[in-house]
């Protein structure tokens, strides 16, 4: 896998954090269609963030939108596993 997610959750156990990390990646990959699409959509989202939607092709905007939806869904499902946490952050990183 060419990416990872770091979960920072105050008050959560290491097991809860690992379960949430796994759930986030599972939902992201399922929603986007696998590792290659996760990478493509993340890169498109990054490009739109840097250059703006008007400066990129429609397909890049579509992949960026897919990333935003999948990331939101993955965060929502993963945070349910961190009920004891007071502050939760997810940081998606490329390796």
Protein backbone atom coordinates (compact mmCIF):
# COMPACT_ATOMS: atom_id res chain seq x y z
CA UNK A 1 0.00 0.00 0.00
CA UNK A 2 1.40 3.37 -1.02
CA UNK A 3 -0.49 5.36 1.59
CA UNK A 4 -1.48 5.36 5.23
CA UNK A 5 -3.71 7.23 7.61
CA UNK A 6 -2.61 8.51 10.98
CA UNK A 7 -5.37 8.68 13.58
CA UNK A 8 -4.94 11.05 16.50
CA UNK A 9 -7.65 10.53 19.11
CA UNK A 10 -7.33 11.91 22.62
CA UNK A 11 -8.67 9.47 25.18
CA UNK A 12 -8.87 6.46 22.86
CA UNK A 13 -6.99 3.25 23.51
CA UNK A 14 -4.31 2.07 21.06
CA UNK A 15 -6.67 -0.75 20.02
CA UNK A 16 -9.46 1.73 19.27
CA UNK A 17 -7.09 3.90 17.25
CA UNK A 18 -5.89 0.92 15.22
CA UNK A 19 -9.46 -0.26 14.63
CA UNK A 20 -10.44 3.23 13.46
CA UNK A 21 -7.40 3.42 11.17
CA UNK A 22 -8.27 0.07 9.62
CA UNK A 23 -11.95 1.04 9.23
CA UNK A 24 -11.04 4.36 7.58
CA UNK A 25 -8.83 2.66 4.99
CA UNK A 26 -11.36 -0.13 4.41
CA UNK A 27 -14.22 2.31 3.75
CA UNK A 28 -12.06 4.57 1.59
CA UNK A 29 -10.89 1.69 -0.61
CA UNK A 30 -14.35 0.20 -0.83
CA UNK A 31 -15.98 3.49 -1.77
CA UNK A 32 -13.36 4.47 -4.36
CA UNK A 33 -12.70 1.04 -5.85
CA UNK A 34 -9.28 -0.01 -4.60
CA UNK A 35 -5.79 1.24 -3.99
CA UNK A 36 -5.11 2.70 -7.44
CA UNK A 37 -8.32 4.74 -7.34
CA UNK A 38 -7.58 5.95 -3.80
CA UNK A 39 -4.26 7.30 -5.05
CA UNK A 40 -5.75 8.84 -8.20
CA UNK A 41 -8.58 10.53 -6.32
CA UNK A 42 -6.30 11.84 -3.57
CA UNK A 43 -3.90 13.27 -6.14
CA UNK A 44 -6.80 14.89 -8.00
CA UNK A 45 -8.13 16.39 -4.77
CA UNK A 46 -4.67 17.75 -3.99
CA UNK A 47 -4.40 19.27 -7.47
CA UNK A 48 -7.80 20.94 -7.21
CA UNK A 49 -6.89 22.23 -3.76
CA UNK A 50 -3.65 23.74 -5.10
CA UNK A 51 -4.79 25.05 -8.50
CA UNK A 52 -8.55 25.47 -8.15
CA UNK A 53 -11.38 23.65 -9.87
CA UNK A 54 -11.42 26.00 -12.87
CA UNK A 55 -7.78 25.21 -13.70
CA UNK A 56 -8.15 21.44 -14.09
CA UNK A 57 -9.97 19.00 -16.40
CA UNK A 58 -13.47 17.79 -15.54
CA UNK A 59 -12.19 14.27 -14.85
CA UNK A 60 -9.85 15.65 -12.19
CA UNK A 61 -12.75 17.52 -10.60
CA UNK A 62 -14.82 14.32 -10.63
CA UNK A 63 -12.06 12.34 -8.93
CA UNK A 64 -11.60 15.14 -6.42
CA UNK A 65 -15.31 15.10 -5.61
CA UNK A 66 -15.18 11.32 -5.21
CA UNK A 67 -12.29 11.74 -2.76
CA UNK A 68 -14.23 14.29 -0.69
CA UNK A 69 -17.26 12.00 -0.43
CA UNK A 70 -15.24 8.87 0.35
CA UNK A 71 -13.07 10.66 2.90
CA UNK A 72 -16.15 12.01 4.66
CA UNK A 73 -17.79 8.60 4.76
CA UNK A 74 -14.57 6.93 5.97
CA UNK A 75 -14.13 9.50 8.74
CA UNK A 76 -17.75 9.15 9.85
CA UNK A 77 -17.58 5.36 10.08
CA UNK A 78 -14.14 5.32 11.72
CA UNK A 79 -15.01 7.91 14.35
CA UNK A 80 -17.84 5.69 15.56
CA UNK A 81 -15.14 3.34 16.87
CA UNK A 82 -13.64 6.17 18.94
CA UNK A 83 -16.56 6.98 21.20
CA UNK A 84 -14.31 7.75 24.18
CA UNK A 85 -12.12 10.22 22.28
CA UNK A 86 -12.48 13.94 22.89
CA UNK A 87 -10.66 15.11 19.76
CA UNK A 88 -10.19 13.05 16.61
CA UNK A 89 -8.07 13.82 13.55
CA UNK A 90 -7.30 11.73 10.47
CA UNK A 91 -4.21 12.49 8.42
CA UNK A 92 -3.95 10.69 5.07
CA UNK A 93 -0.34 10.39 3.94
CA UNK A 94 1.48 9.04 0.89
CA UNK A 95 4.45 6.76 1.43
